[in-house]
Amino acid sequence: MTFQEIIEGETPVLVDFSAEWCGPCKMMAPILKETAAAMGDSVKILKVDVDKNPAAAAHYQVQGVPTLILFKQGQTLWRQSGVVQAGQLIHILNSAIGK
């Protein structure tokens, strides 16, 4: 399944655009793990390394990392750059997907 097919699906997809050298990106790992546990199957979480996937980063105009973008059926529902705490992220996701 391609990236495009995944983000165009029925299930909302939170994409974490990050890089291995990025300190704040490393801070997002446990936050995303906690978020995934809280959200269950209602949201998919993908990590995209901007250094390995520069075309995807350019296509979505990712200027800095980490950048989080929430997609549903190919549409951007929400995006933010920088570290987002788990509680805030879970609230944003629940609001965006109508939970």
Protein backbone atom coordinates (compact mmCIF):
# COMPACT_ATOMS: atom_id res chain seq x y z
CA MET A 1 0.00 0.00 0.00
CA THR A 2 1.37 3.42 -0.92
CA PHE A 3 1.51 6.47 1.34
CA GLN A 4 -1.19 8.09 -0.80
CA GLU A 5 -3.50 5.06 -0.46
CA ILE A 6 -3.00 5.03 3.32
CA ILE A 7 -3.85 8.73 3.81
CA GLU A 8 -6.85 8.47 1.46
CA GLY A 9 -8.42 5.68 3.53
CA GLU A 10 -11.43 5.87 5.84
CA THR A 11 -9.29 5.68 8.98
CA PRO A 12 -7.68 9.01 9.96
CA VAL A 13 -3.88 8.93 9.70
CA LEU A 14 -1.54 11.02 11.86
CA VAL A 15 1.77 11.44 10.03
CA ASP A 16 4.85 12.40 12.02
CA PHE A 17 7.35 14.01 9.66
CA SER A 18 10.65 13.71 11.51
CA ALA A 19 14.40 13.16 11.19
CA GLU A 20 16.87 10.97 13.06
CA TRP A 21 19.10 13.93 13.96
CA CYS A 22 16.22 15.95 15.46
CA GLY A 23 16.08 16.17 19.28
CA PRO A 24 12.41 17.24 19.53
CA CYS A 25 11.51 14.37 17.15
CA LYS A 26 12.97 11.93 19.67
CA MET A 27 10.75 13.52 22.34
CA MET A 28 7.70 12.74 20.18
CA ALA A 29 8.32 8.95 20.16
CA PRO A 30 6.90 8.20 23.66
CA ILE A 31 4.14 10.79 23.11
CA LEU A 32 3.07 9.05 19.90
CA LYS A 33 3.22 5.66 21.65
CA GLU A 34 0.93 6.95 24.42
CA THR A 35 -1.37 8.53 21.83
CA ALA A 36 -1.56 5.28 19.83
CA ALA A 37 -2.47 3.35 22.99
CA ALA A 38 -5.20 5.88 23.86
CA MET A 39 -6.66 6.12 20.35
CA GLY A 40 -6.59 2.41 19.49
CA ASP A 41 -7.82 1.60 15.99
CA SER A 42 -9.52 4.98 15.49
CA VAL A 43 -6.28 6.55 14.16
CA LYS A 44 -3.25 5.16 12.33
CA ILE A 45 0.10 6.74 13.17
CA LEU A 46 2.88 6.84 10.58
CA LYS A 47 6.42 8.13 10.88
CA VAL A 48 8.03 9.65 7.78
CA ASP A 49 11.76 10.43 7.81
CA VAL A 50 12.15 13.65 5.81
CA ASP A 51 15.75 12.79 4.90
CA LYS A 52 14.70 9.45 3.39
CA ASN A 53 11.48 10.83 1.84
CA PRO A 54 12.28 14.37 0.69
CA ALA A 55 9.54 14.27 -1.99
CA ALA A 56 6.81 13.64 0.60
CA ALA A 57 8.19 16.40 2.84
CA ALA A 58 8.30 18.82 -0.09
CA HIS A 59 4.81 17.86 -1.28
CA TYR A 60 3.30 18.68 2.12
CA GLN A 61 5.51 21.78 2.57
CA VAL A 62 7.16 20.45 5.72
CA GLN A 63 9.57 23.24 6.68
CA GLY A 64 10.66 21.96 10.09
CA VAL A 65 10.59 18.77 12.09
CA PRO A 66 8.74 17.40 13.85
CA THR A 67 5.62 18.29 11.87
CA LEU A 68 2.42 16.37 12.56
CA ILE A 69 -0.31 16.23 9.92
CA LEU A 70 -3.66 14.49 10.38
CA PHE A 71 -5.24 13.18 7.17
CA LYS A 72 -8.64 11.66 6.49
CA GLN A 73 -9.64 10.57 3.01
CA GLY A 74 -6.67 12.51 1.64
CA GLN A 75 -7.71 15.80 3.28
CA THR A 76 -5.61 17.59 5.87
CA LEU A 77 -7.70 17.93 9.04
CA TRP A 78 -4.96 19.43 11.24
CA ARG A 79 -1.24 20.16 11.21
CA GLN A 80 1.30 21.52 13.64
CA SER A 81 5.06 21.78 13.88
CA GLY A 82 6.92 21.16 17.10
CA VAL A 83 6.38 18.90 20.08
CA VAL A 84 2.76 18.34 21.12
CA GLN A 85 2.08 16.79 24.54
CA ALA A 86 0.11 13.53 24.58
CA GLY A 87 -2.97 14.90 26.37
CA GLN A 88 -3.25 17.81 23.94
CA LEU A 89 -2.64 15.56 20.92
CA ILE A 90 -5.30 13.05 22.03
CA HIS A 91 -7.78 15.91 22.55
CA ILE A 92 -6.99 17.36 19.08
CA LEU A 93 -7.38 13.94 17.42
CA ASN A 94 -10.66 13.19 19.19
CA SER A 95 -12.02 16.62 18.18
CA ALA A 96 -10.85 16.25 14.57
CA ILE A 97 -12.36 12.82 14.09
CA GLY A 98 -15.56 13.65 15.95
CA LYS A 99 -15.16 11.46 19.02
